[in-house]
Amino acid sequence: MFNADTGTGDNGPEMVQVNLRLSKAFLEDIDTTWEQGFNSRGEFLRYAARDAVKHPEFSREGWKQIAASEHDLRSGSAELVSREEVVEMMGRGEDDE
């Protein structure tokens, strides 16, 4: 079971500050993404890190495909896919979930 907590608060886990060095272009991509559904850049990065730890079997190529798909959706050059199509793209069967 996954135990990482991305929440904050007086009763939550102790939070530790981490500094990252990112290219300006990558940071701009992150800012465009987090503004689409997260409260802050930090919240987005915590969720992204949690998902990477929670799903280590998901390859870097898989994350690139997700990013490309997000871009295509936002630009209007792609359509949404079903859950089953996503599972198939990840190369996992229903029993693997």
Protein backbone atom coordinates (compact mmCIF):
# COMPACT_ATOMS: atom_id res chain seq x y z
CA MET A 1 0.00 0.00 0.00
CA PHE A 2 1.13 3.51 -0.78
CA ASN A 3 1.64 5.71 2.28
CA ALA A 4 3.02 9.02 0.97
CA ASP A 5 0.86 11.96 1.99
CA THR A 6 0.81 15.08 -0.14
CA GLY A 7 -1.36 17.02 2.28
CA THR A 8 -0.37 19.75 4.66
CA GLY A 9 -1.73 20.81 7.99
CA ASP A 10 -1.04 20.88 11.68
CA ASN A 11 -1.90 17.21 12.15
CA GLY A 12 -0.34 15.98 8.90
CA PRO A 13 3.14 14.60 8.26
CA GLU A 14 6.19 16.78 8.69
CA MET A 15 6.85 18.60 5.42
CA VAL A 16 10.40 19.05 4.11
CA GLN A 17 11.38 21.67 1.56
CA VAL A 18 13.16 20.42 -1.58
CA ASN A 19 14.86 22.68 -4.12
CA LEU A 20 14.93 21.79 -7.81
CA ARG A 21 16.82 23.25 -10.74
CA LEU A 22 14.69 23.21 -13.89
CA SER A 23 15.03 24.80 -17.30
CA LYS A 24 12.89 27.88 -17.81
CA ALA A 25 11.02 26.15 -20.65
CA PHE A 26 10.22 23.13 -18.48
CA LEU A 27 9.04 25.36 -15.64
CA GLU A 28 6.75 27.18 -18.08
CA ASP A 29 5.31 23.79 -19.13
CA ILE A 30 4.77 22.90 -15.46
CA ASP A 31 3.06 26.23 -14.81
CA THR A 32 0.75 25.75 -17.78
CA THR A 33 -0.14 22.27 -16.51
CA TRP A 34 -0.73 23.01 -12.82
CA GLU A 35 -2.94 25.96 -13.65
CA GLN A 36 -5.29 23.49 -15.36
CA GLY A 37 -6.49 21.88 -12.13
CA PHE A 38 -4.19 22.30 -9.14
CA ASN A 39 -4.10 24.99 -6.48
CA SER A 40 -0.35 25.59 -6.75
CA ARG A 41 2.83 24.55 -8.48
CA GLY A 42 3.95 22.76 -5.30
CA GLU A 43 0.73 20.76 -5.11
CA PHE A 44 1.14 19.69 -8.74
CA LEU A 45 4.76 18.63 -8.19
CA ARG A 46 3.83 16.64 -5.06
CA TYR A 47 1.12 14.79 -6.98
CA ALA A 48 3.47 14.14 -9.92
CA ALA A 49 6.18 12.80 -7.59
CA ARG A 50 3.66 10.67 -5.70
CA ASP A 51 2.35 9.16 -8.92
CA ALA A 52 5.89 8.41 -10.12
CA VAL A 53 6.65 6.62 -6.83
CA LYS A 54 3.29 4.87 -6.70
CA HIS A 55 3.62 3.58 -10.27
CA PRO A 56 7.34 2.87 -10.82
CA GLU A 57 6.43 0.34 -13.50
CA PHE A 58 5.14 3.16 -15.67
CA SER A 59 7.99 4.06 -17.98
CA ARG A 60 9.41 7.44 -18.85
CA GLU A 61 8.07 6.83 -22.34
CA GLY A 62 4.61 6.41 -20.87
CA TRP A 63 4.84 9.76 -19.10
CA LYS A 64 6.00 11.36 -22.36
CA GLN A 65 2.98 9.90 -24.14
CA ILE A 66 0.68 11.34 -21.48
CA ALA A 67 2.29 14.77 -21.83
CA ALA A 68 1.99 14.63 -25.63
CA SER A 69 -1.64 13.57 -25.35
CA GLU A 70 -2.38 16.43 -22.95
CA HIS A 71 -0.84 18.85 -25.43
CA ASP A 72 -2.89 17.38 -28.29
CA LEU A 73 -6.09 17.63 -26.23
CA ARG A 74 -5.45 21.24 -25.30
CA SER A 75 -4.62 22.20 -28.87
CA GLY A 76 -7.75 20.49 -30.16
CA SER A 77 -5.89 17.98 -32.33
CA ALA A 78 -6.94 14.90 -30.34
CA GLU A 79 -9.98 13.38 -28.67
CA LEU A 80 -10.42 11.82 -25.24
CA VAL A 81 -9.84 8.07 -24.97
CA SER A 82 -11.60 5.55 -22.77
CA ARG A 83 -10.18 3.98 -19.62
CA GLU A 84 -9.88 0.68 -21.47
CA GLU A 85 -7.82 2.33 -24.21
CA VAL A 86 -5.50 3.84 -21.60
CA VAL A 87 -5.02 0.46 -19.90
CA GLU A 88 -4.27 -1.09 -23.29
CA MET A 89 -1.77 1.69 -24.14
CA MET A 90 0.01 1.03 -20.84
CA GLY A 91 0.33 -2.63 -21.81
CA ARG A 92 -1.53 -3.81 -18.72
CA GLY A 93 -4.48 -6.12 -18.48
CA GLU A 94 -7.47 -5.51 -16.25
CA ASP A 95 -6.12 -8.13 -13.81
CA ASP A 96 -2.85 -6.17 -13.39
CA GLU A 97 -4.52 -3.16 -11.79
